[in-house]
Amino acid sequence: MQDRHLYEYAVIRVLPKVEREEFLNVGIIFFCKREKFLKVIYKLDESRLKCLSEDIDFDQIEKNLESLKKISEGAKDGGPIAQQDVPSRFRWLTAVRSSVIQTSRPHPGMCSELDGTFQRLFREMVL
């Protein structure tokens, strides 16, 4: 029997007009504590986001999403949060925010292949 992993994931959302609470799923944060696995993947669809608002600063959103990715990777240029342990970084990445970039609440699951599940969730929830 193949080893199964407990994981958590959250969907990254962009809310161009926070007060309207309309959002577009743009990415996934995926975490497995036992394997110290933490990844972020995202894709901005500018044409779909423009349907929600014409006044979007795509460069700033891209920079912020790239920061989330650097934090998940523990990159040296990811700031002080990126230097924390993997569970702390996941909890920071999924903390409740009232900004243009937000995440869903974390959802748990079990899988035998972390990277494959991460890619599948991205396809299902974002693409």
C-alpha atoms as a PDB file:
ATOM      1  CA  MET A   1       0.000   0.000   0.000  1.00  0.00           C
ATOM      2  CA  GLN A   2       1.357   3.412  -0.961  1.00  0.00           C
ATOM      3  CA  ASP A   3       2.006   5.937   1.813  1.00  0.00           C
ATOM      4  CA  ARG A   4      -0.772   8.514   2.138  1.00  0.00           C
ATOM      5  CA  HIS A   5      -0.180  12.143   3.079  1.00  0.00           C
ATOM      6  CA  LEU A   6      -2.398  14.538   4.960  1.00  0.00           C
ATOM      7  CA  TYR A   7      -2.342  17.889   3.171  1.00  0.00           C
ATOM      8  CA  GLU A   8      -4.043  21.258   3.294  1.00  0.00           C
ATOM      9  CA  TYR A   9      -4.680  23.709   0.508  1.00  0.00           C
ATOM     10  CA  ALA A  10      -6.161  27.153   0.082  1.00  0.00           C
ATOM     11  CA  VAL A  11      -7.283  28.931  -3.063  1.00  0.00           C
ATOM     12  CA  ILE A  12      -5.698  32.318  -3.806  1.00  0.00           C
ATOM     13  CA  ARG A  13      -8.279  34.866  -4.933  1.00  0.00           C
ATOM     14  CA  VAL A  14      -8.053  38.344  -6.410  1.00  0.00           C
ATOM     15  CA  LEU A  15     -10.812  40.776  -5.422  1.00  0.00           C
ATOM     16  CA  PRO A  16     -10.362  43.864  -7.623  1.00  0.00           C
ATOM     17  CA  LYS A  17     -13.051  45.734  -5.672  1.00  0.00           C
ATOM     18  CA  VAL A  18     -12.893  44.336  -2.137  1.00  0.00           C
ATOM     19  CA  GLU A  19     -16.126  46.038  -1.130  1.00  0.00           C
ATOM     20  CA  ARG A  20     -18.048  44.150  -3.860  1.00  0.00           C
ATOM     21  CA  GLU A  21     -16.690  40.770  -2.680  1.00  0.00           C
ATOM     22  CA  GLU A  22     -16.394  39.515  -6.280  1.00  0.00           C
ATOM     23  CA  PHE A  23     -13.307  37.425  -6.874  1.00  0.00           C
ATOM     24  CA  LEU A  24     -11.425  35.312  -9.361  1.00  0.00           C
ATOM     25  CA  ASN A  25      -9.447  32.232  -8.318  1.00  0.00           C
ATOM     26  CA  VAL A  26      -5.849  32.753  -9.434  1.00  0.00           C
ATOM     27  CA  GLY A  27      -3.757  30.234  -7.500  1.00  0.00           C
ATOM     28  CA  ILE A  28      -3.278  27.471  -4.951  1.00  0.00           C
ATOM     29  CA  ILE A  29      -1.267  27.245  -1.738  1.00  0.00           C
ATOM     30  CA  PHE A  30      -0.511  23.591  -0.944  1.00  0.00           C
ATOM     31  CA  PHE A  31       0.988  22.281   2.306  1.00  0.00           C
ATOM     32  CA  CYS A  32       1.983  18.955   3.861  1.00  0.00           C
ATOM     33  CA  LYS A  33       3.497  19.275   7.322  1.00  0.00           C
ATOM     34  CA  ARG A  34       5.040  15.789   7.496  1.00  0.00           C
ATOM     35  CA  GLU A  35       6.869  16.221   4.188  1.00  0.00           C
ATOM     36  CA  LYS A  36       7.674  19.924   4.784  1.00  0.00           C
ATOM     37  CA  PHE A  37       6.011  20.540   1.426  1.00  0.00           C
ATOM     38  CA  LEU A  38       4.788  24.055   0.721  1.00  0.00           C
ATOM     39  CA  LYS A  39       4.152  25.374  -2.772  1.00  0.00           C
ATOM     40  CA  VAL A  40       2.341  28.267  -4.399  1.00  0.00           C
ATOM     41  CA  ILE A  41       1.264  28.335  -8.027  1.00  0.00           C
ATOM     42  CA  TYR A  42      -0.735  31.055  -9.721  1.00  0.00           C
ATOM     43  CA  LYS A  43      -1.882  32.343 -13.091  1.00  0.00           C
ATOM     44  CA  LEU A  44      -3.354  35.778 -13.706  1.00  0.00           C
ATOM     45  CA  ASP A  45      -6.005  35.927 -16.413  1.00  0.00           C
ATOM     46  CA  GLU A  46      -6.064  39.654 -17.163  1.00  0.00           C
ATOM     47  CA  SER A  47      -9.071  39.503 -19.479  1.00  0.00           C
ATOM     48  CA  ARG A  48     -11.214  37.729 -16.875  1.00  0.00           C
ATOM     49  CA  LEU A  49     -10.109  40.110 -14.117  1.00  0.00           C
ATOM     50  CA  LYS A  50     -10.933  43.125 -16.290  1.00  0.00           C
ATOM     51  CA  CYS A  51     -14.527  41.844 -16.379  1.00  0.00           C
ATOM     52  CA  LEU A  52     -14.663  42.566 -12.641  1.00  0.00           C
ATOM     53  CA  SER A  53     -12.863  45.913 -12.828  1.00  0.00           C
ATOM     54  CA  GLU A  54     -11.011  47.970 -15.427  1.00  0.00           C
ATOM     55  CA  ASP A  55      -8.875  49.686 -12.764  1.00  0.00           C
ATOM     56  CA  ILE A  56      -6.591  46.790 -11.829  1.00  0.00           C
ATOM     57  CA  ASP A  57      -2.868  47.296 -11.253  1.00  0.00           C
ATOM     58  CA  PHE A  58      -1.674  43.998 -12.737  1.00  0.00           C
ATOM     59  CA  ASP A  59       1.986  44.762 -12.071  1.00  0.00           C
ATOM     60  CA  GLN A  60       1.327  45.208  -8.351  1.00  0.00           C
ATOM     61  CA  ILE A  61      -0.821  42.087  -8.145  1.00  0.00           C
ATOM     62  CA  GLU A  62       1.898  40.102  -9.941  1.00  0.00           C
ATOM     63  CA  LYS A  63       4.538  41.399  -7.488  1.00  0.00           C
ATOM     64  CA  ASN A  64       2.366  40.471  -4.505  1.00  0.00           C
ATOM     65  CA  LEU A  65       1.683  36.983  -5.863  1.00  0.00           C
ATOM     66  CA  GLU A  66       5.381  36.500  -6.532  1.00  0.00           C
ATOM     67  CA  SER A  67       6.036  37.482  -2.892  1.00  0.00           C
ATOM     68  CA  LEU A  68       3.654  34.738  -1.765  1.00  0.00           C
ATOM     69  CA  LYS A  69       5.587  32.260  -3.896  1.00  0.00           C
ATOM     70  CA  LYS A  70       8.936  33.412  -2.445  1.00  0.00           C
ATOM     71  CA  ILE A  71       7.571  33.022   1.085  1.00  0.00           C
ATOM     72  CA  SER A  72       6.359  29.501   0.297  1.00  0.00           C
ATOM     73  CA  GLU A  73       9.816  28.592  -1.040  1.00  0.00           C
ATOM     74  CA  GLY A  74      11.633  30.088   1.939  1.00  0.00           C
ATOM     75  CA  ALA A  75      13.596  32.305  -0.451  1.00  0.00           C
ATOM     76  CA  LYS A  76      16.338  34.468   1.022  1.00  0.00           C
ATOM     77  CA  ASP A  77      14.784  37.541  -0.641  1.00  0.00           C
ATOM     78  CA  GLY A  78      11.304  36.611   0.626  1.00  0.00           C
ATOM     79  CA  GLY A  79      11.547  38.720   3.775  1.00  0.00           C
ATOM     80  CA  PRO A  80      11.376  37.653   7.420  1.00  0.00           C
ATOM     81  CA  ILE A  81       8.239  35.503   6.992  1.00  0.00           C
ATOM     82  CA  ALA A  82      10.079  33.364   4.403  1.00  0.00           C
ATOM     83  CA  GLN A  83      12.672  32.491   7.057  1.00  0.00           C
ATOM     84  CA  GLN A  84      10.118  30.878   9.382  1.00  0.00           C
ATOM     85  CA  ASP A  85       9.423  27.142   9.461  1.00  0.00           C
ATOM     86  CA  VAL A  86       7.101  25.610   6.852  1.00  0.00           C
ATOM     87  CA  PRO A  87       3.935  25.376   9.035  1.00  0.00           C
ATOM     88  CA  SER A  88       4.323  29.003  10.168  1.00  0.00           C
ATOM     89  CA  ARG A  89       4.725  30.169   6.567  1.00  0.00           C
ATOM     90  CA  PHE A  90       1.573  28.281   5.529  1.00  0.00           C
ATOM     91  CA  ARG A  91      -0.439  29.792   8.388  1.00  0.00           C
ATOM     92  CA  TRP A  92       0.803  33.288   7.491  1.00  0.00           C
ATOM     93  CA  LEU A  93      -0.003  32.781   3.787  1.00  0.00           C
ATOM     94  CA  THR A  94      -3.550  31.644   4.610  1.00  0.00           C
ATOM     95  CA  ALA A  95      -4.325  34.212   7.317  1.00  0.00           C
ATOM     96  CA  VAL A  96      -7.575  36.135   6.868  1.00  0.00           C
ATOM     97  CA  ARG A  97      -7.083  39.431   5.042  1.00  0.00           C
ATOM     98  CA  SER A  98      -9.306  42.174   3.694  1.00  0.00           C
ATOM     99  CA  SER A  99      -7.071  43.112   0.785  1.00  0.00           C
ATOM    100  CA  VAL A 100      -7.191  42.656  -2.982  1.00  0.00           C
ATOM    101  CA  ILE A 101      -5.412  39.277  -2.641  1.00  0.00           C
ATOM    102  CA  GLN A 102      -7.089  36.837  -0.244  1.00  0.00           C
ATOM    103  CA  THR A 103      -7.241  33.097   0.313  1.00  0.00           C
ATOM    104  CA  SER A 104     -10.006  30.659   1.019  1.00  0.00           C
ATOM    105  CA  ARG A 105      -9.999  28.895   4.335  1.00  0.00           C
ATOM    106  CA  PRO A 106      -7.629  25.916   4.294  1.00  0.00           C
ATOM    107  CA  HIS A 107      -9.171  22.601   3.243  1.00  0.00           C
ATOM    108  CA  PRO A 108      -7.711  19.196   4.245  1.00  0.00           C
ATOM    109  CA  GLY A 109      -7.269  16.089   2.147  1.00  0.00           C
ATOM    110  CA  MET A 110      -5.362  12.818   1.819  1.00  0.00           C
ATOM    111  CA  CYS A 111      -3.281  11.774  -1.171  1.00  0.00           C
ATOM    112  CA  SER A 112      -0.466   9.444  -2.137  1.00  0.00           C
ATOM    113  CA  GLU A 113       1.268  11.878  -4.510  1.00  0.00           C
ATOM    114  CA  LEU A 114       1.700  15.473  -3.339  1.00  0.00           C
ATOM    115  CA  ASP A 115       2.883  17.178  -6.517  1.00  0.00           C
ATOM    116  CA  GLY A 116       0.253  15.476  -8.679  1.00  0.00           C
ATOM    117  CA  THR A 117      -2.506  16.487  -6.266  1.00  0.00           C
ATOM    118  CA  PHE A 118      -1.153  20.050  -6.167  1.00  0.00           C
ATOM    119  CA  GLN A 119      -1.272  20.261  -9.991  1.00  0.00           C
ATOM    120  CA  ARG A 120      -4.756  18.686 -10.142  1.00  0.00           C
ATOM    121  CA  LEU A 121      -6.159  21.173  -7.638  1.00  0.00           C
ATOM    122  CA  PHE A 122      -4.653  24.033  -9.637  1.00  0.00           C
ATOM    123  CA  ARG A 123      -6.292  22.768 -12.835  1.00  0.00           C
ATOM    124  CA  GLU A 124      -9.667  22.230 -11.135  1.00  0.00           C
ATOM    125  CA  MET A 125      -9.818  25.413  -9.056  1.00  0.00           C
ATOM    126  CA  VAL A 126      -8.012  27.960 -11.264  1.00  0.00           C
ATOM    127  CA  LEU A 127      -7.605  26.971 -14.905  1.00  0.00           C
END
